[in-house]
Structure formats: C-alpha cells, structure tokens
Amino acid sequence: MAKSIFEKLGGEYEQQGDYLIPRLTVPAEEDRSIGIWGQRHLDYLKQYRKVTYTNLLTSGKLNAYLADINAQAQERSHRLIEDMKQAQGITEQLKAENALEWTGNRKISIAIHE
C-alpha cells in the first residue's frame, strides 16, 4: 500500500481496533511562569484570537510567548510608576521627612511597595 502524505512527512499511525489513528504529539515547552498579565493575555487569546492560540499551542511556543508578554507588561508598569513618581516628586526621602505629604500621594506610594 502506498504511503500517505502524513507518513511521507514522518507521521505515524497507531492501530485502535479496526482503525488507524494518527499519532499526534505537541512539542514539549519550556516551563516558565507566566504571571497575571500572561494569564490575562491567555484568556484574551482563547476568547478573541482562537487561531493564534491554537497555532502557539500546537507549535509548543505558547508558554514562552505568554512569559514574554508578562515580562513586557511588568516592565511597562514599573516604567510608568517610576515616571509618575518623578513627575510628582515622590521619593523615599519624602516618606522619611514628611509622611503626611507622602500619604497624600497614596496611589503612587502603594505602587512603590508592590
């Protein structure tokens, strides 16, 4: 019997009763933490970009992609917080010298300690 295109490309079949089922595997992924921003992007991909999600998942690149997205989001968040602190003159020295004024800028000061 002639080989199928799947077999010519290196695929294998597995006998299941009277049927030949293609033996499909997903490549192993590097185990990296994806964090909150990666989780949120994963939800977005699943809901709105199903083809992109499926392509990343089946190619074994989903976890690395989400970890990179998470790192970029964290970097941007830290950069924004630093810019806001500089614009408003919030420093650790201000905290030590004038705690009342520092507390007045509570939104920024909370972000400093996260």
N, C-alpha and C. Protein backbone atom coordinates (compact mmCIF):
# COMPACT_ATOMS: atom_id res chain seq x y z
N MET A 1 0.84 -1.18 0.00
CA MET A 1 0.00 0.00 0.00
C MET A 1 0.88 1.24 0.00
N ALA A 2 0.50 2.26 -0.76
CA ALA A 2 1.29 3.49 -0.89
C ALA A 2 1.21 4.29 0.41
N LYS A 3 2.30 5.00 0.70
CA LYS A 3 2.34 5.84 1.89
C LYS A 3 1.47 7.08 1.70
N SER A 4 0.82 7.48 2.79
CA SER A 4 0.03 8.71 2.75
C SER A 4 0.96 9.91 2.88
N ILE A 5 0.44 11.08 2.61
CA ILE A 5 1.23 12.30 2.75
C ILE A 5 1.70 12.45 4.19
N PHE A 6 0.84 12.09 5.13
CA PHE A 6 1.18 12.16 6.55
C PHE A 6 2.40 11.29 6.85
N GLU A 7 2.43 10.08 6.29
CA GLU A 7 3.56 9.17 6.52
C GLU A 7 4.82 9.67 5.82
N LYS A 8 4.66 10.27 4.64
CA LYS A 8 5.82 10.81 3.92
C LYS A 8 6.47 11.96 4.69
N LEU A 9 5.66 12.67 5.48
CA LEU A 9 6.18 13.78 6.28
C LEU A 9 6.70 13.32 7.64
N GLY A 10 6.72 12.01 7.87
CA GLY A 10 7.28 11.48 9.11
C GLY A 10 6.24 11.12 10.15
N GLY A 11 4.96 11.19 9.81
CA GLY A 11 3.91 10.85 10.74
C GLY A 11 3.76 9.35 10.90
N GLU A 12 3.20 8.95 12.02
CA GLU A 12 2.98 7.53 12.29
C GLU A 12 1.52 7.31 12.66
N TYR A 13 1.06 6.09 12.39
CA TYR A 13 -0.30 5.71 12.76
C TYR A 13 -0.25 4.68 13.88
N GLU A 14 -1.33 4.63 14.64
CA GLU A 14 -1.46 3.68 15.74
C GLU A 14 -2.75 2.88 15.52
N GLN A 15 -2.68 1.57 15.64
CA GLN A 15 -3.84 0.71 15.43
C GLN A 15 -4.75 0.77 16.65
N GLN A 16 -6.01 1.15 16.45
CA GLN A 16 -7.02 1.18 17.51
C GLN A 16 -8.22 0.38 17.01
N GLY A 17 -8.24 -0.89 17.33
CA GLY A 17 -9.30 -1.76 16.82
C GLY A 17 -9.12 -1.95 15.32
N ASP A 18 -10.13 -1.59 14.55
CA ASP A 18 -10.06 -1.69 13.09
C ASP A 18 -9.55 -0.41 12.43
N TYR A 19 -9.20 0.59 13.21
CA TYR A 19 -8.85 1.89 12.66
C TYR A 19 -7.38 2.22 12.88
N LEU A 20 -6.83 2.99 11.95
CA LEU A 20 -5.50 3.56 12.10
C LEU A 20 -5.68 5.02 12.49
N ILE A 21 -5.21 5.37 13.67
CA ILE A 21 -5.34 6.73 14.19
C ILE A 21 -3.96 7.40 14.13
N PRO A 22 -3.89 8.64 13.58
CA PRO A 22 -2.59 9.33 13.55
C PRO A 22 -2.08 9.57 14.97
N ARG A 23 -0.81 9.32 15.19
CA ARG A 23 -0.18 9.56 16.49
C ARG A 23 0.35 11.00 16.48
N LEU A 24 -0.39 11.86 17.13
CA LEU A 24 -0.05 13.28 17.16
C LEU A 24 0.48 13.66 18.53
N THR A 25 1.52 14.45 18.57
CA THR A 25 2.07 14.94 19.83
C THR A 25 2.35 16.43 19.71
N VAL A 26 2.28 17.09 20.82
CA VAL A 26 2.61 18.51 20.89
C VAL A 26 4.04 18.61 21.40
N PRO A 27 4.87 19.46 20.77
CA PRO A 27 6.25 19.60 21.24
C PRO A 27 6.31 20.05 22.70
N ALA A 28 7.31 19.58 23.40
CA ALA A 28 7.48 19.95 24.80
C ALA A 28 7.84 21.44 24.90
N GLU A 29 7.29 22.10 25.92
CA GLU A 29 7.55 23.52 26.12
C GLU A 29 8.45 23.74 27.32
N GLU A 30 9.17 24.84 27.28
CA GLU A 30 9.96 25.26 28.43
C GLU A 30 8.99 25.75 29.50
N ASP A 31 9.18 25.31 30.73
CA ASP A 31 8.27 25.67 31.81
C ASP A 31 8.70 27.01 32.40
N ARG A 32 7.93 28.06 32.08
CA ARG A 32 8.21 29.40 32.60
C ARG A 32 6.95 29.94 33.25
N SER A 33 7.11 30.72 34.29
CA SER A 33 5.98 31.33 34.97
C SER A 33 5.41 32.44 34.08
N ILE A 34 4.08 32.47 33.93
CA ILE A 34 3.51 33.47 33.04
C ILE A 34 2.86 34.64 33.78
N GLY A 35 2.63 34.55 35.05
CA GLY A 35 2.14 35.68 35.83
C GLY A 35 0.75 36.16 35.45
N ILE A 36 0.31 37.23 36.09
CA ILE A 36 -1.05 37.73 35.92
C ILE A 36 -1.28 38.28 34.52
N TRP A 37 -0.32 39.03 33.98
CA TRP A 37 -0.52 39.61 32.64
C TRP A 37 -0.50 38.53 31.58
N GLY A 38 0.30 37.51 31.76
CA GLY A 38 0.29 36.39 30.83
C GLY A 38 -1.02 35.63 30.88
N GLN A 39 -1.57 35.46 32.09
CA GLN A 39 -2.86 34.79 32.25
C GLN A 39 -3.97 35.58 31.57
N ARG A 40 -3.93 36.88 31.73
CA ARG A 40 -4.96 37.73 31.10
C ARG A 40 -4.85 37.67 29.59
N HIS A 41 -3.64 37.66 29.08
CA HIS A 41 -3.46 37.58 27.62
C HIS A 41 -3.88 36.20 27.12
N LEU A 42 -3.65 35.17 27.89
CA LEU A 42 -4.11 33.83 27.53
C LEU A 42 -5.63 33.81 27.41
N ASP A 43 -6.32 34.41 28.36
CA ASP A 43 -7.78 34.50 28.28
C ASP A 43 -8.22 35.25 27.03
N TYR A 44 -7.52 36.34 26.72
CA TYR A 44 -7.82 37.12 25.51
C TYR A 44 -7.63 36.27 24.26
N LEU A 45 -6.52 35.55 24.18
CA LEU A 45 -6.27 34.70 23.01
C LEU A 45 -7.36 33.64 22.86
N LYS A 46 -7.73 33.01 23.96
CA LYS A 46 -8.75 31.96 23.90
C LYS A 46 -10.10 32.51 23.45
N GLN A 47 -10.40 33.73 23.88
CA GLN A 47 -11.71 34.29 23.58
C GLN A 47 -11.78 34.97 22.21
N TYR A 48 -10.74 35.72 21.84
CA TYR A 48 -10.81 36.54 20.63
C TYR A 48 -9.86 36.14 19.51
N ARG A 49 -8.81 35.39 19.80
CA ARG A 49 -7.81 35.02 18.80
C ARG A 49 -7.57 33.52 18.84
N LYS A 50 -8.60 32.76 18.55
CA LYS A 50 -8.55 31.31 18.70
C LYS A 50 -7.52 30.66 17.77
N VAL A 51 -7.37 31.19 16.57
CA VAL A 51 -6.41 30.61 15.62
C VAL A 51 -4.98 30.84 16.12
N THR A 52 -4.70 32.04 16.59
CA THR A 52 -3.37 32.34 17.13
C THR A 52 -3.09 31.46 18.34
N TYR A 53 -4.08 31.32 19.22
CA TYR A 53 -3.93 30.46 20.40
C TYR A 53 -3.61 29.03 19.98
N THR A 54 -4.37 28.50 19.04
CA THR A 54 -4.17 27.11 18.59
C THR A 54 -2.80 26.95 17.94
N ASN A 55 -2.39 27.90 17.12
CA ASN A 55 -1.07 27.82 16.47
C ASN A 55 0.06 27.84 17.50
N LEU A 56 -0.03 28.72 18.48
CA LEU A 56 1.01 28.78 19.52
C LEU A 56 1.02 27.51 20.36
N LEU A 57 -0.16 27.00 20.67
CA LEU A 57 -0.26 25.80 21.49
C LEU A 57 0.31 24.59 20.77
N THR A 58 -0.06 24.40 19.51
CA THR A 58 0.39 23.21 18.78
C THR A 58 1.85 23.30 18.35
N SER A 59 2.40 24.51 18.30
CA SER A 59 3.81 24.64 17.94
C SER A 59 4.72 24.54 19.16
N GLY A 60 4.13 24.52 20.36
CA GLY A 60 4.93 24.43 21.58
C GLY A 60 5.53 25.75 22.01
N LYS A 61 4.97 26.87 21.53
CA LYS A 61 5.53 28.19 21.83
C LYS A 61 4.63 29.05 22.73
N LEU A 62 3.49 28.51 23.14
CA LEU A 62 2.52 29.31 23.89
C LEU A 62 3.08 29.81 25.22
N ASN A 63 3.68 28.95 26.01
CA ASN A 63 4.17 29.33 27.34
C ASN A 63 5.27 30.39 27.24
N ALA A 64 6.20 30.23 26.31
CA ALA A 64 7.27 31.21 26.15
C ALA A 64 6.70 32.55 25.69
N TYR A 65 5.72 32.52 24.79
CA TYR A 65 5.07 33.74 24.30
C TYR A 65 4.40 34.48 25.46
N LEU A 66 3.64 33.75 26.27
CA LEU A 66 2.94 34.37 27.40
C LEU A 66 3.91 34.90 28.45
N ALA A 67 5.00 34.20 28.68
CA ALA A 67 6.01 34.67 29.63
C ALA A 67 6.64 35.97 29.14
N ASP A 68 6.88 36.07 27.84
CA ASP A 68 7.42 37.31 27.27
C ASP A 68 6.42 38.46 27.39
N ILE A 69 5.16 38.19 27.11
CA ILE A 69 4.11 39.21 27.25
C ILE A 69 4.06 39.69 28.70
N ASN A 70 4.12 38.77 29.65
CA ASN A 70 4.09 39.12 31.07
C ASN A 70 5.29 40.00 31.44
N ALA A 71 6.47 39.64 30.97
CA ALA A 71 7.68 40.42 31.27
C ALA A 71 7.57 41.83 30.69
N GLN A 72 7.06 41.95 29.47
CA GLN A 72 6.90 43.26 28.85
C GLN A 72 5.90 44.12 29.63
N ALA A 73 4.80 43.52 30.05
CA ALA A 73 3.78 44.25 30.81
C ALA A 73 4.32 44.71 32.16
N GLN A 74 5.08 43.87 32.83
CA GLN A 74 5.66 44.25 34.12
C GLN A 74 6.67 45.38 33.94
N GLU A 75 7.48 45.28 32.92
CA GLU A 75 8.48 46.33 32.65
C GLU A 75 7.79 47.66 32.38
N ARG A 76 6.73 47.63 31.57
CA ARG A 76 5.99 48.85 31.25
C ARG A 76 5.34 49.43 32.51
N SER A 77 4.79 48.57 33.35
CA SER A 77 4.15 49.01 34.58
C SER A 77 5.16 49.70 35.50
N HIS A 78 6.33 49.09 35.66
CA HIS A 78 7.37 49.68 36.51
C HIS A 78 7.85 51.02 35.94
N ARG A 79 7.97 51.09 34.63
CA ARG A 79 8.40 52.33 33.99
C ARG A 79 7.37 53.43 34.20
N LEU A 80 6.09 53.11 34.07
CA LEU A 80 5.03 54.10 34.30
C LEU A 80 5.02 54.58 35.75
N ILE A 81 5.19 53.67 36.69
CA ILE A 81 5.21 54.04 38.10
C ILE A 81 6.39 54.96 38.39
N GLU A 82 7.55 54.63 37.84
CA GLU A 82 8.73 55.48 38.05
C GLU A 82 8.50 56.87 37.45
N ASP A 83 7.91 56.94 36.27
CA ASP A 83 7.63 58.23 35.64
C ASP A 83 6.64 59.04 36.48
N MET A 84 5.63 58.38 37.02
CA MET A 84 4.65 59.07 37.86
C MET A 84 5.29 59.57 39.16
N LYS A 85 6.16 58.76 39.75
CA LYS A 85 6.85 59.17 40.98
C LYS A 85 7.72 60.40 40.72
N GLN A 86 8.44 60.38 39.62
CA GLN A 86 9.30 61.52 39.30
C GLN A 86 8.48 62.77 39.02
N ALA A 87 7.38 62.62 38.29
CA ALA A 87 6.54 63.77 37.95
C ALA A 87 5.93 64.41 39.19
N GLN A 88 5.63 63.62 40.20
CA GLN A 88 5.00 64.14 41.42
C GLN A 88 5.99 64.34 42.56
N GLY A 89 7.26 64.03 42.32
CA GLY A 89 8.28 64.26 43.34
C GLY A 89 8.18 63.33 44.53
N ILE A 90 7.75 62.12 44.31
CA ILE A 90 7.61 61.15 45.40
C ILE A 90 8.90 60.35 45.53
N THR A 91 9.49 60.39 46.73
CA THR A 91 10.74 59.67 46.98
C THR A 91 10.67 59.02 48.36
N GLU A 92 11.61 58.14 48.62
CA GLU A 92 11.72 57.54 49.95
C GLU A 92 12.14 58.60 50.96
N GLN A 93 12.89 59.60 50.51
CA GLN A 93 13.30 60.68 51.40
C GLN A 93 12.07 61.48 51.84
N LEU A 94 11.13 61.71 50.91
CA LEU A 94 9.89 62.40 51.26
C LEU A 94 9.11 61.60 52.30
N LYS A 95 9.11 60.28 52.14
CA LYS A 95 8.41 59.40 53.09
C LYS A 95 9.01 59.56 54.49
N ALA A 96 10.34 59.62 54.55
CA ALA A 96 11.00 59.74 55.85
C ALA A 96 10.81 61.13 56.47
N GLU A 97 10.83 62.17 55.65
CA GLU A 97 10.78 63.54 56.16
C GLU A 97 9.36 64.06 56.37
N ASN A 98 8.44 63.70 55.47
CA ASN A 98 7.10 64.26 55.53
C ASN A 98 6.09 63.16 55.19
N ALA A 99 5.81 62.32 56.16
CA ALA A 99 4.93 61.18 55.94
C ALA A 99 3.52 61.60 55.56
N LEU A 100 3.06 62.74 56.06
CA LEU A 100 1.71 63.20 55.76
C LEU A 100 1.57 63.54 54.27
N GLU A 101 2.55 64.25 53.72
CA GLU A 101 2.50 64.57 52.29
C GLU A 101 2.65 63.30 51.46
N TRP A 102 3.54 62.41 51.90
CA TRP A 102 3.73 61.14 51.18
C TRP A 102 2.44 60.34 51.16
N THR A 103 1.70 60.33 52.28
CA THR A 103 0.43 59.63 52.35
C THR A 103 -0.61 60.27 51.44
N GLY A 104 -0.52 61.56 51.24
CA GLY A 104 -1.43 62.25 50.32
C GLY A 104 -1.31 61.73 48.90
N ASN A 105 -0.17 61.23 48.55
CA ASN A 105 0.06 60.63 47.23
C ASN A 105 -0.04 59.11 47.35
N ARG A 106 -1.05 58.63 48.02
CA ARG A 106 -1.16 57.22 48.37
C ARG A 106 -1.20 56.28 47.17
N LYS A 107 -1.85 56.67 46.11
CA LYS A 107 -1.94 55.78 44.95
C LYS A 107 -0.56 55.42 44.44
N ILE A 108 0.28 56.40 44.34
CA ILE A 108 1.64 56.17 43.85
C ILE A 108 2.46 55.44 44.90
N SER A 109 2.32 55.83 46.17
CA SER A 109 3.14 55.20 47.21
C SER A 109 2.80 53.73 47.38
N ILE A 110 1.55 53.35 47.17
CA ILE A 110 1.18 51.94 47.24
C ILE A 110 1.88 51.19 46.12
N ALA A 111 1.90 51.77 44.94
CA ALA A 111 2.53 51.12 43.80
C ALA A 111 4.04 50.97 43.99
N ILE A 112 4.65 51.89 44.76
CA ILE A 112 6.08 51.82 45.01
C ILE A 112 6.44 50.54 45.72
N HIS A 113 5.62 50.12 46.65
CA HIS A 113 5.94 48.99 47.51
C HIS A 113 5.41 47.67 47.01
N GLU A 114 4.83 47.62 45.83
CA GLU A 114 4.36 46.35 45.28
C GLU A 114 5.47 45.56 44.67
